[in-house]
PDB file of N, CA and C in Angstrom:
ATOM      1  N   MET A   1     -10.834 -24.112  -0.450  1.00  0.00           N
ATOM      2  CA  MET A   1      -9.675 -23.695   0.329  1.00  0.00           C
ATOM      3  C   MET A   1      -9.244 -22.293  -0.103  1.00  0.00           C
ATOM      4  N   ILE A   2      -9.075 -21.425   0.878  1.00  0.00           N
ATOM      5  CA  ILE A   2      -8.651 -20.053   0.590  1.00  0.00           C
ATOM      6  C   ILE A   2      -7.127 -20.011   0.558  1.00  0.00           C
ATOM      7  N   LEU A   3      -6.601 -19.423  -0.487  1.00  0.00           N
ATOM      8  CA  LEU A   3      -5.155 -19.307  -0.625  1.00  0.00           C
ATOM      9  C   LEU A   3      -4.688 -18.033   0.064  1.00  0.00           C
ATOM     10  N   MET A   4      -3.843 -18.177   1.074  1.00  0.00           N
ATOM     11  CA  MET A   4      -3.315 -17.009   1.770  1.00  0.00           C
ATOM     12  C   MET A   4      -2.319 -16.297   0.881  1.00  0.00           C
ATOM     13  N   GLN A   5      -2.404 -14.992   0.876  1.00  0.00           N
ATOM     14  CA  GLN A   5      -1.441 -14.237   0.092  1.00  0.00           C
ATOM     15  C   GLN A   5      -0.105 -14.217   0.823  1.00  0.00           C
ATOM     16  N   THR A   6       0.945 -14.373   0.072  1.00  0.00           N
ATOM     17  CA  THR A   6       2.263 -14.281   0.681  1.00  0.00           C
ATOM     18  C   THR A   6       2.587 -12.811   0.902  1.00  0.00           C
ATOM     19  N   GLU A   7       3.497 -12.573   1.813  1.00  0.00           N
ATOM     20  CA  GLU A   7       3.924 -11.205   2.104  1.00  0.00           C
ATOM     21  C   GLU A   7       4.468 -10.534   0.839  1.00  0.00           C
ATOM     22  N   ASP A   8       5.282 -11.260   0.081  1.00  0.00           N
ATOM     23  CA  ASP A   8       5.867 -10.705  -1.142  1.00  0.00           C
ATOM     24  C   ASP A   8       4.800 -10.358  -2.172  1.00  0.00           C
ATOM     25  N   LYS A   9       3.798 -11.222  -2.304  1.00  0.00           N
ATOM     26  CA  LYS A   9       2.744 -10.979  -3.289  1.00  0.00           C
ATOM     27  C   LYS A   9       1.929  -9.749  -2.893  1.00  0.00           C
ATOM     28  N   THR A  10       1.584  -9.635  -1.622  1.00  0.00           N
ATOM     29  CA  THR A  10       0.829  -8.473  -1.146  1.00  0.00           C
ATOM     30  C   THR A  10       1.627  -7.201  -1.397  1.00  0.00           C
ATOM     31  N   LEU A  11       2.893  -7.229  -1.024  1.00  0.00           N
ATOM     32  CA  LEU A  11       3.756  -6.071  -1.201  1.00  0.00           C
ATOM     33  C   LEU A  11       3.884  -5.699  -2.677  1.00  0.00           C
ATOM     34  N   ASP A  12       4.050  -6.700  -3.512  1.00  0.00           N
ATOM     35  CA  ASP A  12       4.187  -6.450  -4.947  1.00  0.00           C
ATOM     36  C   ASP A  12       2.912  -5.821  -5.513  1.00  0.00           C
ATOM     37  N   GLU A  13       1.757  -6.298  -5.076  1.00  0.00           N
ATOM     38  CA  GLU A  13       0.491  -5.735  -5.555  1.00  0.00           C
ATOM     39  C   GLU A  13       0.337  -4.284  -5.118  1.00  0.00           C
ATOM     40  N   ILE A  14       0.741  -3.989  -3.885  1.00  0.00           N
ATOM     41  CA  ILE A  14       0.670  -2.614  -3.380  1.00  0.00           C
ATOM     42  C   ILE A  14       1.567  -1.702  -4.217  1.00  0.00           C
ATOM     43  N   LEU A  15       2.793  -2.143  -4.451  1.00  0.00           N
ATOM     44  CA  LEU A  15       3.734  -1.337  -5.232  1.00  0.00           C
ATOM     45  C   LEU A  15       3.241  -1.135  -6.665  1.00  0.00           C
ATOM     46  N   THR A  16       2.686  -2.181  -7.255  1.00  0.00           N
ATOM     47  CA  THR A  16       2.181  -2.101  -8.621  1.00  0.00           C
ATOM     48  C   THR A  16       0.991  -1.133  -8.698  1.00  0.00           C
ATOM     49  N   LEU A  17       0.078  -1.233  -7.734  1.00  0.00           N
ATOM     50  CA  LEU A  17      -1.075  -0.330  -7.703  1.00  0.00           C
ATOM     51  C   LEU A  17      -0.645   1.113  -7.487  1.00  0.00           C
ATOM     52  N   ALA A  18       0.286   1.334  -6.578  1.00  0.00           N
ATOM     53  CA  ALA A  18       0.772   2.692  -6.297  1.00  0.00           C
ATOM     54  C   ALA A  18       1.449   3.280  -7.531  1.00  0.00           C
ATOM     55  N   ALA A  19       2.257   2.485  -8.200  1.00  0.00           N
ATOM     56  CA  ALA A  19       2.959   2.946  -9.402  1.00  0.00           C
ATOM     57  C   ALA A  19       1.954   3.333 -10.488  1.00  0.00           C
ATOM     58  N   ALA A  20       0.959   2.492 -10.693  1.00  0.00           N
ATOM     59  CA  ALA A  20      -0.053   2.766 -11.717  1.00  0.00           C
ATOM     60  C   ALA A  20      -0.875   4.001 -11.350  1.00  0.00           C
ATOM     61  N   HIS A  21      -1.262   4.087 -10.096  1.00  0.00           N
ATOM     62  CA  HIS A  21      -2.113   5.182  -9.635  1.00  0.00           C
ATOM     63  C   HIS A  21      -1.418   6.533  -9.779  1.00  0.00           C
ATOM     64  N   PHE A  22      -0.133   6.574  -9.436  1.00  0.00           N
ATOM     65  CA  PHE A  22       0.603   7.847  -9.473  1.00  0.00           C
ATOM     66  C   PHE A  22       1.496   7.987 -10.707  1.00  0.00           C
ATOM     67  N   LYS A  23       1.317   7.046 -11.648  1.00  0.00           N
ATOM     68  CA  LYS A  23       2.021   7.102 -12.937  1.00  0.00           C
ATOM     69  C   LYS A  23       3.532   7.244 -12.789  1.00  0.00           C
ATOM     70  N   VAL A  24       4.096   6.354 -11.981  1.00  0.00           N
ATOM     71  CA  VAL A  24       5.557   6.284 -11.853  1.00  0.00           C
ATOM     72  C   VAL A  24       5.995   4.876 -12.256  1.00  0.00           C
ATOM     73  N   PRO A  25       7.212   4.727 -12.748  1.00  0.00           N
ATOM     74  CA  PRO A  25       7.684   3.387 -13.113  1.00  0.00           C
ATOM     75  C   PRO A  25       7.730   2.485 -11.877  1.00  0.00           C
ATOM     76  N   ARG A  26       7.190   1.296 -12.007  1.00  0.00           N
ATOM     77  CA  ARG A  26       7.141   0.337 -10.890  1.00  0.00           C
ATOM     78  C   ARG A  26       8.521   0.083 -10.302  1.00  0.00           C
ATOM     79  N   GLU A  27       9.544   0.022 -11.160  1.00  0.00           N
ATOM     80  CA  GLU A  27      10.893  -0.293 -10.661  1.00  0.00           C
ATOM     81  C   GLU A  27      11.489   0.831  -9.801  1.00  0.00           C
ATOM     82  N   LYS A  28      10.848   1.993  -9.790  1.00  0.00           N
ATOM     83  CA  LYS A  28      11.339   3.087  -8.937  1.00  0.00           C
ATOM     84  C   LYS A  28      10.864   2.951  -7.494  1.00  0.00           C
ATOM     85  N   LEU A  29       9.947   2.019  -7.260  1.00  0.00           N
ATOM     86  CA  LEU A  29       9.388   1.847  -5.920  1.00  0.00           C
ATOM     87  C   LEU A  29       9.954   0.591  -5.262  1.00  0.00           C
ATOM     88  N   SER A  30      10.300   0.715  -3.984  1.00  0.00           N
ATOM     89  CA  SER A  30      10.739  -0.463  -3.236  1.00  0.00           C
ATOM     90  C   SER A  30      10.039  -0.516  -1.882  1.00  0.00           C
ATOM     91  N   ALA A  31      10.093  -1.664  -1.264  1.00  0.00           N
ATOM     92  CA  ALA A  31       9.328  -1.959  -0.046  1.00  0.00           C
ATOM     93  C   ALA A  31       9.547  -0.954   1.077  1.00  0.00           C
ATOM     94  N   ASP A  32      10.771  -0.507   1.247  1.00  0.00           N
ATOM     95  CA  ASP A  32      11.075   0.353   2.387  1.00  0.00           C
ATOM     96  C   ASP A  32      11.021   1.842   2.062  1.00  0.00           C
ATOM     97  N   ASP A  33      10.568   2.168   0.856  1.00  0.00           N
ATOM     98  CA  ASP A  33      10.423   3.577   0.478  1.00  0.00           C
ATOM     99  C   ASP A  33       9.363   4.264   1.325  1.00  0.00           C
ATOM    100  N   ASP A  34       9.646   5.518   1.661  1.00  0.00           N
ATOM    101  CA  ASP A  34       8.643   6.392   2.269  1.00  0.00           C
ATOM    102  C   ASP A  34       7.759   6.859   1.114  1.00  0.00           C
ATOM    103  N   PHE A  35       6.491   6.459   1.116  1.00  0.00           N
ATOM    104  CA  PHE A  35       5.676   6.766  -0.055  1.00  0.00           C
ATOM    105  C   PHE A  35       5.388   8.249  -0.217  1.00  0.00           C
ATOM    106  N   PHE A  36       5.416   9.019   0.869  1.00  0.00           N
ATOM    107  CA  PHE A  36       5.222  10.469   0.734  1.00  0.00           C
ATOM    108  C   PHE A  36       6.370  11.075  -0.072  1.00  0.00           C
ATOM    109  N   LYS A  37       7.590  10.671   0.266  1.00  0.00           N
ATOM    110  CA  LYS A  37       8.773  11.215  -0.417  1.00  0.00           C
ATOM    111  C   LYS A  37       8.944  10.635  -1.817  1.00  0.00           C
ATOM    112  N   THR A  38       8.864   9.313  -1.936  1.00  0.00           N
ATOM    113  CA  THR A  38       9.115   8.657  -3.219  1.00  0.00           C
ATOM    114  C   THR A  38       8.088   9.054  -4.268  1.00  0.00           C
ATOM    115  N   LEU A  39       6.827   9.112  -3.865  1.00  0.00           N
ATOM    116  CA  LEU A  39       5.765   9.445  -4.813  1.00  0.00           C
ATOM    117  C   LEU A  39       5.499  10.948  -4.873  1.00  0.00           C
ATOM    118  N   GLY A  40       6.048  11.687  -3.905  1.00  0.00           N
ATOM    119  CA  GLY A  40       5.811  13.128  -3.872  1.00  0.00           C
ATOM    120  C   GLY A  40       4.346  13.460  -3.671  1.00  0.00           C
ATOM    121  N   ILE A  41       3.702  12.737  -2.751  1.00  0.00           N
ATOM    122  CA  ILE A  41       2.259  12.912  -2.549  1.00  0.00           C
ATOM    123  C   ILE A  41       1.961  13.528  -1.181  1.00  0.00           C
ATOM    124  N   ASP A  42       0.764  14.083  -1.072  1.00  0.00           N
ATOM    125  CA  ASP A  42       0.316  14.647   0.199  1.00  0.00           C
ATOM    126  C   ASP A  42      -0.672  13.685   0.870  1.00  0.00           C
ATOM    127  N   SER A  43      -1.178  14.083   2.016  1.00  0.00           N
ATOM    128  CA  SER A  43      -2.057  13.186   2.775  1.00  0.00           C
ATOM    129  C   SER A  43      -3.365  12.896   2.042  1.00  0.00           C
ATOM    130  N   LEU A  44      -3.876  13.848   1.290  1.00  0.00           N
ATOM    131  CA  LEU A  44      -5.113  13.617   0.542  1.00  0.00           C
ATOM    132  C   LEU A  44      -4.898  12.562  -0.542  1.00  0.00           C
ATOM    133  N   GLN A  45      -3.782  12.652  -1.240  1.00  0.00           N
ATOM    134  CA  GLN A  45      -3.466  11.660  -2.275  1.00  0.00           C
ATOM    135  C   GLN A  45      -3.220  10.289  -1.635  1.00  0.00           C
ATOM    136  N   THR A  46      -2.659  10.293  -0.433  1.00  0.00           N
ATOM    137  CA  THR A  46      -2.433   9.040   0.281  1.00  0.00           C
ATOM    138  C   THR A  46      -3.764   8.380   0.620  1.00  0.00           C
ATOM    139  N   LEU A  47      -4.737   9.164   1.047  1.00  0.00           N
ATOM    140  CA  LEU A  47      -6.068   8.622   1.344  1.00  0.00           C
ATOM    141  C   LEU A  47      -6.692   8.005   0.094  1.00  0.00           C
ATOM    142  N   ASP A  48      -6.485   8.637  -1.045  1.00  0.00           N
ATOM    143  CA  ASP A  48      -6.981   8.118  -2.307  1.00  0.00           C
ATOM    144  C   ASP A  48      -6.357   6.749  -2.602  1.00  0.00           C
ATOM    145  N   LEU A  49      -5.051   6.662  -2.398  1.00  0.00           N
ATOM    146  CA  LEU A  49      -4.344   5.388  -2.596  1.00  0.00           C
ATOM    147  C   LEU A  49      -4.861   4.333  -1.623  1.00  0.00           C
ATOM    148  N   LEU A  50      -5.037   4.695  -0.366  1.00  0.00           N
ATOM    149  CA  LEU A  50      -5.512   3.739   0.640  1.00  0.00           C
ATOM    150  C   LEU A  50      -6.902   3.217   0.295  1.00  0.00           C
ATOM    151  N   THR A  51      -7.755   4.079  -0.230  1.00  0.00           N
ATOM    152  CA  THR A  51      -9.095   3.653  -0.649  1.00  0.00           C
ATOM    153  C   THR A  51      -8.987   2.614  -1.765  1.00  0.00           C
ATOM    154  N   ARG A  52      -8.097   2.859  -2.709  1.00  0.00           N
ATOM    155  CA  ARG A  52      -7.895   1.894  -3.803  1.00  0.00           C
ATOM    156  C   ARG A  52      -7.387   0.562  -3.263  1.00  0.00           C
ATOM    157  N   LEU A  53      -6.467   0.630  -2.300  1.00  0.00           N
ATOM    158  CA  LEU A  53      -5.912  -0.600  -1.725  1.00  0.00           C
ATOM    159  C   LEU A  53      -6.979  -1.353  -0.942  1.00  0.00           C
ATOM    160  N   GLU A  54      -7.799  -0.637  -0.173  1.00  0.00           N
ATOM    161  CA  GLU A  54      -8.881  -1.288   0.571  1.00  0.00           C
ATOM    162  C   GLU A  54      -9.827  -2.008  -0.389  1.00  0.00           C
ATOM    163  N   ASN A  55     -10.167  -1.355  -1.488  1.00  0.00           N
ATOM    164  CA  ASN A  55     -11.054  -1.969  -2.482  1.00  0.00           C
ATOM    165  C   ASN A  55     -10.390  -3.176  -3.138  1.00  0.00           C
ATOM    166  N   HIS A  56      -9.115  -3.044  -3.457  1.00  0.00           N
ATOM    167  CA  HIS A  56      -8.387  -4.124  -4.125  1.00  0.00           C
ATOM    168  C   HIS A  56      -8.303  -5.370  -3.241  1.00  0.00           C
ATOM    169  N   PHE A  57      -7.974  -5.166  -1.968  1.00  0.00           N
ATOM    170  CA  PHE A  57      -7.776  -6.306  -1.058  1.00  0.00           C
ATOM    171  C   PHE A  57      -9.041  -6.674  -0.283  1.00  0.00           C
ATOM    172  N   HIS A  58     -10.118  -5.893  -0.474  1.00  0.00           N
ATOM    173  CA  HIS A  58     -11.386  -6.141   0.234  1.00  0.00           C
ATOM    174  C   HIS A  58     -11.186  -6.122   1.750  1.00  0.00           C
ATOM    175  N   VAL A  59     -10.516  -5.075   2.215  1.00  0.00           N
ATOM    176  CA  VAL A  59     -10.296  -4.890   3.653  1.00  0.00           C
ATOM    177  C   VAL A  59     -10.680  -3.466   4.022  1.00  0.00           C
ATOM    178  N   GLU A  60     -10.829  -3.241   5.322  1.00  0.00           N
ATOM    179  CA  GLU A  60     -11.050  -1.891   5.815  1.00  0.00           C
ATOM    180  C   GLU A  60      -9.928  -1.591   6.796  1.00  0.00           C
ATOM    181  N   LEU A  61      -9.230  -0.507   6.546  1.00  0.00           N
ATOM    182  CA  LEU A  61      -8.096  -0.129   7.390  1.00  0.00           C
ATOM    183  C   LEU A  61      -8.488   1.063   8.260  1.00  0.00           C
ATOM    184  N   PRO A  62      -8.657   0.829   9.571  1.00  0.00           N
ATOM    185  CA  PRO A  62      -9.015   1.947  10.442  1.00  0.00           C
ATOM    186  C   PRO A  62      -7.870   2.963  10.511  1.00  0.00           C
ATOM    187  N   ASP A  63      -8.237   4.243  10.628  1.00  0.00           N
ATOM    188  CA  ASP A  63      -7.238   5.313  10.668  1.00  0.00           C
ATOM    189  C   ASP A  63      -6.166   5.084  11.735  1.00  0.00           C
ATOM    190  N   TYR A  64      -6.579   4.610  12.923  1.00  0.00           N
ATOM    191  CA  TYR A  64      -5.604   4.445  14.001  1.00  0.00           C
ATOM    192  C   TYR A  64      -4.515   3.431  13.663  1.00  0.00           C
ATOM    193  N   GLU A  65      -4.821   2.484  12.768  1.00  0.00           N
ATOM    194  CA  GLU A  65      -3.815   1.492  12.376  1.00  0.00           C
ATOM    195  C   GLU A  65      -2.815   2.055  11.373  1.00  0.00           C
ATOM    196  N   LEU A  66      -3.166   3.168  10.760  1.00  0.00           N
ATOM    197  CA  LEU A  66      -2.311   3.726   9.714  1.00  0.00           C
ATOM    198  C   LEU A  66      -1.518   4.930  10.182  1.00  0.00           C
ATOM    199  N   GLN A  67      -1.760   5.385  11.401  1.00  0.00           N
ATOM    200  CA  GLN A  67      -1.013   6.537  11.895  1.00  0.00           C
ATOM    201  C   GLN A  67       0.468   6.197  11.979  1.00  0.00           C
ATOM    202  N   GLY A  68       1.275   7.065  11.420  1.00  0.00           N
ATOM    203  CA  GLY A  68       2.713   6.862  11.448  1.00  0.00           C
ATOM    204  C   GLY A  68       3.240   5.928  10.380  1.00  0.00           C
ATOM    205  N   VAL A  69       2.350   5.319   9.597  1.00  0.00           N
ATOM    206  CA  VAL A  69       2.780   4.410   8.531  1.00  0.00           C
ATOM    207  C   VAL A  69       3.153   5.248   7.313  1.00  0.00           C
ATOM    208  N   SER A  70       4.390   5.090   6.844  1.00  0.00           N
ATOM    209  CA  SER A  70       4.791   5.868   5.671  1.00  0.00           C
ATOM    210  C   SER A  70       5.618   5.048   4.681  1.00  0.00           C
ATOM    211  N   ASP A  71       5.793   3.744   4.969  1.00  0.00           N
ATOM    212  CA  ASP A  71       6.531   2.923   4.004  1.00  0.00           C
ATOM    213  C   ASP A  71       5.660   1.746   3.556  1.00  0.00           C
ATOM    214  N   PHE A  72       5.969   1.269   2.381  1.00  0.00           N
ATOM    215  CA  PHE A  72       5.146   0.218   1.762  1.00  0.00           C
ATOM    216  C   PHE A  72       5.164  -1.095   2.537  1.00  0.00           C
ATOM    217  N   ARG A  73       6.306  -1.450   3.131  1.00  0.00           N
ATOM    218  CA  ARG A  73       6.408  -2.723   3.863  1.00  0.00           C
ATOM    219  C   ARG A  73       5.467  -2.725   5.079  1.00  0.00           C
ATOM    220  N   THR A  74       5.466  -1.629   5.833  1.00  0.00           N
ATOM    221  CA  THR A  74       4.587  -1.543   7.006  1.00  0.00           C
ATOM    222  C   THR A  74       3.125  -1.543   6.573  1.00  0.00           C
ATOM    223  N   LEU A  75       2.840  -0.813   5.513  1.00  0.00           N
ATOM    224  CA  LEU A  75       1.477  -0.781   4.978  1.00  0.00           C
ATOM    225  C   LEU A  75       1.022  -2.181   4.580  1.00  0.00           C
ATOM    226  N   SER A  76       1.906  -2.931   3.947  1.00  0.00           N
ATOM    227  CA  SER A  76       1.605  -4.302   3.558  1.00  0.00           C
ATOM    228  C   SER A  76       1.272  -5.155   4.782  1.00  0.00           C
ATOM    229  N   GLY A  77       2.029  -4.981   5.844  1.00  0.00           N
ATOM    230  CA  GLY A  77       1.771  -5.729   7.085  1.00  0.00           C
ATOM    231  C   GLY A  77       0.406  -5.424   7.656  1.00  0.00           C
ATOM    232  N   ARG A  78       0.018  -4.146   7.632  1.00  0.00           N
ATOM    233  CA  ARG A  78      -1.310  -3.741   8.146  1.00  0.00           C
ATOM    234  C   ARG A  78      -2.412  -4.362   7.290  1.00  0.00           C
ATOM    235  N   ILE A  79      -2.210  -4.380   5.986  1.00  0.00           N
ATOM    236  CA  ILE A  79      -3.220  -4.977   5.093  1.00  0.00           C
ATOM    237  C   ILE A  79      -3.294  -6.481   5.329  1.00  0.00           C
ATOM    238  N   ARG A  80      -2.144  -7.129   5.397  1.00  0.00           N
ATOM    239  CA  ARG A  80      -2.122  -8.580   5.602  1.00  0.00           C
ATOM    240  C   ARG A  80      -2.790  -8.991   6.913  1.00  0.00           C
ATOM    241  N   ALA A  81      -2.702  -8.164   7.934  1.00  0.00           N
ATOM    242  CA  ALA A  81      -3.330  -8.465   9.215  1.00  0.00           C
ATOM    243  C   ALA A  81      -4.844  -8.495   9.088  1.00  0.00           C
ATOM    244  N   ARG A  82      -5.372  -7.861   8.057  1.00  0.00           N
ATOM    245  CA  ARG A  82      -6.819  -7.779   7.846  1.00  0.00           C
ATOM    246  C   ARG A  82      -7.350  -8.800   6.849  1.00  0.00           C
ATOM    247  N   LEU A  83      -6.453  -9.484   6.146  1.00  0.00           N
ATOM    248  CA  LEU A  83      -6.885 -10.445   5.124  1.00  0.00           C
ATOM    249  C   LEU A  83      -7.468 -11.703   5.741  1.00  0.00           C
TER     250      LEU A  83
END
């Protein structure tokens, strides 16, 4: 039996990975944060993060699904749709 990830668990893993990747305290990140602003990253760094998330969750996120996505909660929803 495959255990479905809960929305909270997926979101928490994304936040934890992002915090570790960009060396920021995990508690500074929240679900509705704009990751460009909160992490102070550019689009290239965002692609790097997305690659790590795809590898972590074993999913492939097409570019068209990520256009306009800039907060962790929406990103989590896109990942969960692929699990």
